[in-house]
Amino acid sequence: MPTLILHASARSNGNTWQVARRLSKELNADLVDLANYEIGFFRYDQSYPDTDDFIDFIEAKLLNYDEIVFASPVYWYTMSAQMKVFLDRISDLLKSHKDLGRRLRGKQMSVLSCANDAGSYEIFFLPFRLSADYLGMNYGQEWHGWVDDKEVKLIRL
């Protein structure tokens, strides 16, 4: 099953990137940093600048994978702003690009959280679980990672 890890953090080379890179090696998954794409905030009128990459990213990249791992640091018990914007934009696939949205059905959504320690952040995963259910995706694995004295730690929850 081809797997894509979507990294969404304020720091492209920070701890979440290190943990996601380790998970990508374990899963033999491709790793993409959403910071390399121009993805604007959701707009009810569905009008985006020509530079917006969201729909092209979905068509050219995301839909080629059976499993998508959403990787985000834990910020105030929830996902990063970059990840929230990406999930908000999924609304475009339910409103103006339904053909693309339907192609998410049956794919697997998994989640990787990253924080400063091994603490459990159960509430962090709830928006992902609910989103997967709403989109008709199968909810898969959950992992949590952190970096301790430059050593990457990763646990499967």
C-alpha atoms as a PDB file:
ATOM      1  CA  MET A   1       0.000   0.000   0.000  1.00  0.00           C
ATOM      2  CA  PRO A   2       1.726   3.228  -1.063  1.00  0.00           C
ATOM      3  CA  THR A   3       1.916   5.656   1.852  1.00  0.00           C
ATOM      4  CA  LEU A   4       2.368   9.425   1.919  1.00  0.00           C
ATOM      5  CA  ILE A   5       3.296  11.367   5.039  1.00  0.00           C
ATOM      6  CA  LEU A   6       2.080  14.980   5.017  1.00  0.00           C
ATOM      7  CA  HIS A   7       4.290  17.082   7.277  1.00  0.00           C
ATOM      8  CA  ALA A   8       2.722  20.332   8.483  1.00  0.00           C
ATOM      9  CA  SER A   9       4.716  22.374  10.959  1.00  0.00           C
ATOM     10  CA  ALA A  10       5.991  25.906  11.445  1.00  0.00           C
ATOM     11  CA  ARG A  11       9.538  24.496  11.213  1.00  0.00           C
ATOM     12  CA  SER A  12      10.358  22.483   8.125  1.00  0.00           C
ATOM     13  CA  ASN A  13      13.416  20.904   9.755  1.00  0.00           C
ATOM     14  CA  GLY A  14      12.191  20.727  13.327  1.00  0.00           C
ATOM     15  CA  ASN A  15      11.374  17.814  15.595  1.00  0.00           C
ATOM     16  CA  THR A  16       8.194  16.857  13.751  1.00  0.00           C
ATOM     17  CA  TRP A  17      10.167  16.608  10.509  1.00  0.00           C
ATOM     18  CA  GLN A  18      12.757  14.383  12.205  1.00  0.00           C
ATOM     19  CA  VAL A  19      10.080  12.090  13.633  1.00  0.00           C
ATOM     20  CA  ALA A  20       8.182  12.008  10.323  1.00  0.00           C
ATOM     21  CA  ARG A  21      11.399  11.158   8.469  1.00  0.00           C
ATOM     22  CA  ARG A  22      12.005   8.231  10.820  1.00  0.00           C
ATOM     23  CA  LEU A  23       8.437   6.993  10.340  1.00  0.00           C
ATOM     24  CA  SER A  24       8.798   7.340   6.563  1.00  0.00           C
ATOM     25  CA  LYS A  25      11.798   5.018   6.672  1.00  0.00           C
ATOM     26  CA  GLU A  26       9.931   2.478   8.811  1.00  0.00           C
ATOM     27  CA  LEU A  27       6.901   2.533   6.517  1.00  0.00           C
ATOM     28  CA  ASN A  28       8.862   2.966   3.273  1.00  0.00           C
ATOM     29  CA  ALA A  29       6.652   6.021   2.735  1.00  0.00           C
ATOM     30  CA  ASP A  30       7.080   9.203   0.751  1.00  0.00           C
ATOM     31  CA  LEU A  31       7.384  12.344   2.852  1.00  0.00           C
ATOM     32  CA  VAL A  32       6.105  15.759   1.762  1.00  0.00           C
ATOM     33  CA  ASP A  33       6.465  19.078   3.570  1.00  0.00           C
ATOM     34  CA  LEU A  34       3.314  21.136   3.066  1.00  0.00           C
ATOM     35  CA  ALA A  35       5.416  24.279   3.592  1.00  0.00           C
ATOM     36  CA  ASN A  36       6.640  23.763   0.024  1.00  0.00           C
ATOM     37  CA  TYR A  37       3.136  24.380  -1.302  1.00  0.00           C
ATOM     38  CA  GLU A  38       1.000  27.491  -1.440  1.00  0.00           C
ATOM     39  CA  ILE A  39      -2.246  26.471   0.230  1.00  0.00           C
ATOM     40  CA  GLY A  40      -4.529  29.331   1.126  1.00  0.00           C
ATOM     41  CA  PHE A  41      -7.174  29.496   3.801  1.00  0.00           C
ATOM     42  CA  PHE A  42     -10.585  28.028   3.001  1.00  0.00           C
ATOM     43  CA  ARG A  43     -12.938  30.479   1.293  1.00  0.00           C
ATOM     44  CA  TYR A  44     -16.678  29.972   1.125  1.00  0.00           C
ATOM     45  CA  ASP A  45     -16.774  31.478  -2.352  1.00  0.00           C
ATOM     46  CA  GLN A  46     -14.147  28.927  -3.482  1.00  0.00           C
ATOM     47  CA  SER A  47     -12.119  31.642  -5.218  1.00  0.00           C
ATOM     48  CA  TYR A  48      -8.388  31.211  -4.812  1.00  0.00           C
ATOM     49  CA  PRO A  49      -5.404  32.901  -6.446  1.00  0.00           C
ATOM     50  CA  ASP A  50      -3.791  31.206  -9.424  1.00  0.00           C
ATOM     51  CA  THR A  51      -0.788  30.454  -7.205  1.00  0.00           C
ATOM     52  CA  ASP A  52      -2.834  28.223  -4.890  1.00  0.00           C
ATOM     53  CA  ASP A  53      -1.515  24.634  -5.069  1.00  0.00           C
ATOM     54  CA  PHE A  54      -4.213  22.749  -3.173  1.00  0.00           C
ATOM     55  CA  ILE A  55      -6.236  21.187  -5.993  1.00  0.00           C
ATOM     56  CA  ASP A  56      -3.122  20.426  -8.052  1.00  0.00           C
ATOM     57  CA  PHE A  57      -1.538  18.823  -4.982  1.00  0.00           C
ATOM     58  CA  ILE A  58      -4.590  16.634  -4.419  1.00  0.00           C
ATOM     59  CA  GLU A  59      -4.758  15.561  -8.079  1.00  0.00           C
ATOM     60  CA  ALA A  60      -1.052  15.109  -8.787  1.00  0.00           C
ATOM     61  CA  LYS A  61       0.158  13.810  -5.430  1.00  0.00           C
ATOM     62  CA  LEU A  62      -2.284  12.830  -2.709  1.00  0.00           C
ATOM     63  CA  LEU A  63      -4.680  10.690  -4.729  1.00  0.00           C
ATOM     64  CA  ASN A  64      -1.793   8.441  -5.811  1.00  0.00           C
ATOM     65  CA  TYR A  65      -1.570   6.971  -2.310  1.00  0.00           C
ATOM     66  CA  ASP A  66      -3.706   4.479  -0.426  1.00  0.00           C
ATOM     67  CA  GLU A  67      -2.625   5.687   3.016  1.00  0.00           C
ATOM     68  CA  ILE A  68      -2.065   9.292   4.060  1.00  0.00           C
ATOM     69  CA  VAL A  69      -0.338   9.992   7.370  1.00  0.00           C
ATOM     70  CA  PHE A  70      -1.053  13.470   8.720  1.00  0.00           C
ATOM     71  CA  ALA A  71       2.032  14.559  10.709  1.00  0.00           C
ATOM     72  CA  SER A  72       1.757  17.587  12.971  1.00  0.00           C
ATOM     73  CA  PRO A  73       3.244  18.955  16.160  1.00  0.00           C
ATOM     74  CA  VAL A  74       0.906  19.255  19.100  1.00  0.00           C
ATOM     75  CA  TYR A  75       0.130  22.969  19.544  1.00  0.00           C
ATOM     76  CA  TRP A  76      -2.205  23.758  22.433  1.00  0.00           C
ATOM     77  CA  TYR A  77      -3.602  20.195  22.352  1.00  0.00           C
ATOM     78  CA  THR A  78      -4.392  20.318  18.664  1.00  0.00           C
ATOM     79  CA  MET A  79      -2.813  20.283  15.205  1.00  0.00           C
ATOM     80  CA  SER A  80      -0.626  22.964  13.674  1.00  0.00           C
ATOM     81  CA  ALA A  81      -2.191  25.875  11.817  1.00  0.00           C
ATOM     82  CA  GLN A  82      -0.772  24.509   8.557  1.00  0.00           C
ATOM     83  CA  MET A  83      -2.493  21.168   9.092  1.00  0.00           C
ATOM     84  CA  LYS A  84      -5.748  22.858  10.075  1.00  0.00           C
ATOM     85  CA  VAL A  85      -5.701  24.903   6.859  1.00  0.00           C
ATOM     86  CA  PHE A  86      -5.102  21.722   4.849  1.00  0.00           C
ATOM     87  CA  LEU A  87      -8.012  19.927   6.535  1.00  0.00           C
ATOM     88  CA  ASP A  88     -10.222  22.984   6.096  1.00  0.00           C
ATOM     89  CA  ARG A  89      -9.474  22.956   2.392  1.00  0.00           C
ATOM     90  CA  ILE A  90     -10.820  19.417   2.183  1.00  0.00           C
ATOM     91  CA  SER A  91     -14.172  21.251   2.217  1.00  0.00           C
ATOM     92  CA  ASP A  92     -13.377  22.306  -1.355  1.00  0.00           C
ATOM     93  CA  LEU A  93     -13.448  18.629  -2.270  1.00  0.00           C
ATOM     94  CA  LEU A  94     -16.909  18.275  -0.815  1.00  0.00           C
ATOM     95  CA  LYS A  95     -18.359  21.374  -2.431  1.00  0.00           C
ATOM     96  CA  SER A  96     -16.767  22.381  -5.730  1.00  0.00           C
ATOM     97  CA  HIS A  97     -14.558  19.363  -6.523  1.00  0.00           C
ATOM     98  CA  LYS A  98     -16.784  16.459  -5.495  1.00  0.00           C
ATOM     99  CA  ASP A  99     -15.203  14.114  -8.033  1.00  0.00           C
ATOM    100  CA  LEU A 100     -11.868  14.475  -6.232  1.00  0.00           C
ATOM    101  CA  GLY A 101     -13.468  14.244  -2.805  1.00  0.00           C
ATOM    102  CA  ARG A 102     -15.141  10.959  -3.674  1.00  0.00           C
ATOM    103  CA  ARG A 103     -11.749   9.511  -4.561  1.00  0.00           C
ATOM    104  CA  LEU A 104     -10.697   9.854  -0.912  1.00  0.00           C
ATOM    105  CA  ARG A 105     -13.297   7.265   0.093  1.00  0.00           C
ATOM    106  CA  GLY A 106     -11.730   3.997   1.131  1.00  0.00           C
ATOM    107  CA  LYS A 107      -8.264   5.474   1.550  1.00  0.00           C
ATOM    108  CA  GLN A 108      -6.644   5.209   4.951  1.00  0.00           C
ATOM    109  CA  MET A 109      -5.953   8.223   7.166  1.00  0.00           C
ATOM    110  CA  SER A 110      -3.335   7.763   9.862  1.00  0.00           C
ATOM    111  CA  VAL A 111      -1.858  10.355  12.207  1.00  0.00           C
ATOM    112  CA  LEU A 112       1.531  11.187  13.684  1.00  0.00           C
ATOM    113  CA  SER A 113       1.693  13.660  16.572  1.00  0.00           C
ATOM    114  CA  CYS A 114       4.913  15.181  17.859  1.00  0.00           C
ATOM    115  CA  ALA A 115       5.544  16.924  21.177  1.00  0.00           C
ATOM    116  CA  ASN A 116       8.364  17.495  23.647  1.00  0.00           C
ATOM    117  CA  ASP A 117       7.793  14.257  25.516  1.00  0.00           C
ATOM    118  CA  ALA A 118       6.023  10.897  25.539  1.00  0.00           C
ATOM    119  CA  GLY A 119       2.839  12.392  26.982  1.00  0.00           C
ATOM    120  CA  SER A 120      -0.466  11.159  25.651  1.00  0.00           C
ATOM    121  CA  TYR A 121      -2.573  13.697  23.781  1.00  0.00           C
ATOM    122  CA  GLU A 122      -5.768  11.741  23.162  1.00  0.00           C
ATOM    123  CA  ILE A 123      -7.802  14.815  22.246  1.00  0.00           C
ATOM    124  CA  PHE A 124      -5.289  15.676  19.499  1.00  0.00           C
ATOM    125  CA  PHE A 125      -6.489  12.748  17.384  1.00  0.00           C
ATOM    126  CA  LEU A 126     -10.239  13.426  17.620  1.00  0.00           C
ATOM    127  CA  PRO A 127     -10.513  15.892  14.677  1.00  0.00           C
ATOM    128  CA  PHE A 128      -8.672  13.417  12.459  1.00  0.00           C
ATOM    129  CA  ARG A 129     -10.898  10.509  13.482  1.00  0.00           C
ATOM    130  CA  LEU A 130     -14.034  12.540  12.846  1.00  0.00           C
ATOM    131  CA  SER A 131     -12.704  13.873   9.534  1.00  0.00           C
ATOM    132  CA  ALA A 132     -11.835  10.390   8.315  1.00  0.00           C
ATOM    133  CA  ASP A 133     -15.329   9.199   9.174  1.00  0.00           C
ATOM    134  CA  TYR A 134     -16.950  12.180   7.461  1.00  0.00           C
ATOM    135  CA  LEU A 135     -14.854  11.716   4.315  1.00  0.00           C
ATOM    136  CA  GLY A 136     -15.494   7.962   4.123  1.00  0.00           C
ATOM    137  CA  MET A 137     -11.848   7.209   4.811  1.00  0.00           C
ATOM    138  CA  ASN A 138     -10.662   4.345   6.991  1.00  0.00           C
ATOM    139  CA  TYR A 139      -8.975   5.552  10.150  1.00  0.00           C
ATOM    140  CA  GLY A 140      -5.653   3.788  10.584  1.00  0.00           C
ATOM    141  CA  GLN A 141      -2.697   3.993  12.922  1.00  0.00           C
ATOM    142  CA  GLU A 142      -1.729   6.630  15.433  1.00  0.00           C
ATOM    143  CA  TRP A 143       1.878   7.347  16.342  1.00  0.00           C
ATOM    144  CA  HIS A 144       3.481   9.792  18.713  1.00  0.00           C
ATOM    145  CA  GLY A 145       7.042  11.011  18.515  1.00  0.00           C
ATOM    146  CA  TRP A 146       9.473  13.339  20.209  1.00  0.00           C
ATOM    147  CA  VAL A 147      13.185  14.117  20.188  1.00  0.00           C
ATOM    148  CA  ASP A 148      15.096  13.461  23.414  1.00  0.00           C
ATOM    149  CA  ASP A 149      18.753  14.519  23.524  1.00  0.00           C
ATOM    150  CA  LYS A 150      18.860  14.434  19.715  1.00  0.00           C
ATOM    151  CA  GLU A 151      17.466  10.885  19.697  1.00  0.00           C
ATOM    152  CA  VAL A 152      14.212  10.432  17.787  1.00  0.00           C
ATOM    153  CA  LYS A 153      11.624   8.506  19.779  1.00  0.00           C
ATOM    154  CA  LEU A 154       8.546   7.051  18.134  1.00  0.00           C
ATOM    155  CA  ILE A 155       5.754   4.938  19.599  1.00  0.00           C
ATOM    156  CA  ARG A 156       2.696   3.364  18.063  1.00  0.00           C
ATOM    157  CA  LEU A 157      -0.381   4.119  20.123  1.00  0.00           C
END
